[in-house]
Amino acid sequence: QGVLGFYRGYTTVIFGFIPARTIYLMSLEMSKSGLTRVGKQLELSETTTAGLSNFGAGGLASLTTQLVTVPIDVVSQRQMVDGNKLGARGSAGAASTSGSGAGSSSSSS
């Protein structure tokens, strides 16, 4: 498979990274402004409001980003491992074979 086999699944990672980063930054800023507004309504000090809003916004942004990146990572890893078996199906085949590729096992008694 050579060098091309080494980079199999790389395009999926690249095209998944761009929307994931966009979602992260957008959700970070939106949740930070919302949490800052709540902190002001609760009449917290400015430093407490800033700390809590940054902490909460970072957690929410990471959570929303993981909803996008984890499925993309699964598809890219399947392409890397099972690339020859997927054939022309590519990303769609990688997504539809979840649980039936490498690493899944069945035992019978």
Protein backbone atom coordinates (compact mmCIF):
# COMPACT_ATOMS: atom_id res chain seq x y z
CA GLN A 1 0.00 0.00 0.00
CA GLY A 2 3.00 2.26 0.44
CA VAL A 3 2.80 5.98 1.01
CA LEU A 4 -0.82 6.24 -0.18
CA GLY A 5 -1.83 3.66 2.42
CA PHE A 6 -0.15 5.77 5.10
CA TYR A 7 -2.31 8.79 4.25
CA ARG A 8 -5.61 6.92 3.81
CA GLY A 9 -8.33 8.72 5.77
CA TYR A 10 -6.34 11.94 5.93
CA THR A 11 -8.79 13.93 3.79
CA THR A 12 -11.63 12.96 6.11
CA VAL A 13 -9.66 14.34 9.05
CA ILE A 14 -8.90 17.59 7.25
CA PHE A 15 -12.48 18.15 6.10
CA GLY A 16 -13.73 17.26 9.58
CA PHE A 17 -11.35 19.62 11.32
CA ILE A 18 -12.65 22.77 9.62
CA PRO A 19 -16.31 22.45 10.68
CA ALA A 20 -15.28 21.21 14.13
CA ARG A 21 -13.10 24.26 14.73
CA THR A 22 -15.85 26.54 13.45
CA ILE A 23 -18.39 24.94 15.78
CA TYR A 24 -15.98 25.20 18.71
CA LEU A 25 -15.27 28.90 18.25
CA MET A 26 -18.89 29.79 17.54
CA SER A 27 -20.27 27.88 20.53
CA LEU A 28 -17.48 29.23 22.76
CA GLU A 29 -18.32 32.85 21.99
CA MET A 30 -22.09 32.35 22.15
CA SER A 31 -22.04 30.51 25.46
CA LYS A 32 -19.48 32.90 26.93
CA SER A 33 -21.67 35.91 26.19
CA GLY A 34 -24.75 34.13 27.52
CA LEU A 35 -23.02 33.05 30.73
CA THR A 36 -21.61 36.55 31.21
CA ARG A 37 -25.12 37.94 30.95
CA VAL A 38 -26.34 35.45 33.58
CA GLY A 39 -23.44 36.35 35.87
CA LYS A 40 -24.36 40.03 35.65
CA GLN A 41 -28.01 39.25 36.40
CA LEU A 42 -26.91 37.33 39.49
CA GLU A 43 -24.83 40.38 40.49
CA LEU A 44 -21.57 38.42 40.74
CA SER A 45 -18.28 40.30 40.77
CA GLU A 46 -16.67 40.97 37.40
CA THR A 47 -13.78 38.56 38.00
CA THR A 48 -16.08 35.80 39.21
CA THR A 49 -18.37 36.30 36.24
CA ALA A 50 -15.43 36.21 33.82
CA GLY A 51 -13.94 33.09 35.40
CA LEU A 52 -17.20 31.16 35.54
CA SER A 53 -18.28 32.18 32.05
CA ASN A 54 -14.90 31.20 30.54
CA PHE A 55 -14.91 27.88 32.38
CA GLY A 56 -18.50 27.04 31.48
CA ALA A 57 -18.17 28.21 27.89
CA GLY A 58 -15.05 26.11 27.36
CA GLY A 59 -16.84 23.02 28.63
CA LEU A 60 -19.92 23.61 26.49
CA ALA A 61 -17.83 24.35 23.41
CA SER A 62 -15.82 21.16 23.90
CA LEU A 63 -19.00 19.13 24.32
CA THR A 64 -20.61 20.47 21.16
CA THR A 65 -17.39 19.95 19.20
CA GLN A 66 -17.14 16.32 20.30
CA LEU A 67 -20.60 15.68 18.88
CA VAL A 68 -19.08 16.43 15.46
CA THR A 69 -15.51 15.18 15.77
CA VAL A 70 -16.09 11.74 17.27
CA PRO A 71 -18.14 10.40 14.32
CA ILE A 72 -15.65 11.93 11.88
CA ASP A 73 -12.77 10.26 13.74
CA VAL A 74 -14.55 6.92 13.61
CA VAL A 75 -15.00 7.21 9.85
CA SER A 76 -11.38 8.26 9.25
CA GLN A 77 -10.02 5.46 11.45
CA ARG A 78 -12.14 2.91 9.60
CA GLN A 79 -10.78 4.25 6.32
CA MET A 80 -7.24 3.91 7.62
CA VAL A 81 -7.70 0.38 8.94
CA ASP A 82 -10.23 -1.13 6.52
CA GLY A 83 -9.45 0.92 3.42
CA ASN A 84 -8.96 -2.06 1.13
CA LYS A 85 -12.18 -3.71 2.28
CA LEU A 86 -14.33 -0.59 1.82
CA GLY A 87 -13.62 -0.32 -1.88
CA ALA A 88 -15.73 2.24 -3.73
CA ARG A 89 -17.99 2.86 -0.76
CA GLY A 90 -15.38 5.13 0.89
CA SER A 91 -16.68 7.26 3.78
CA ALA A 92 -20.24 5.98 3.45
CA GLY A 93 -19.00 2.42 3.74
CA ALA A 94 -16.85 3.28 6.73
CA ALA A 95 -19.81 4.85 8.52
CA SER A 96 -22.19 1.99 7.74
CA THR A 97 -19.86 -0.80 8.91
CA SER A 98 -19.65 0.45 12.49
CA GLY A 99 -19.06 -2.49 14.80
CA SER A 100 -18.40 -5.02 12.06
CA GLY A 101 -14.80 -4.23 11.16
CA ALA A 102 -11.46 -4.65 12.88
CA GLY A 103 -11.64 -4.93 16.63
CA SER A 104 -15.09 -6.48 16.80
CA SER A 105 -15.23 -10.08 17.80
CA SER A 106 -17.85 -12.70 18.27
CA SER A 107 -17.49 -15.81 20.34
CA SER A 108 -19.60 -18.90 20.32
CA SER A 109 -19.81 -21.59 22.96
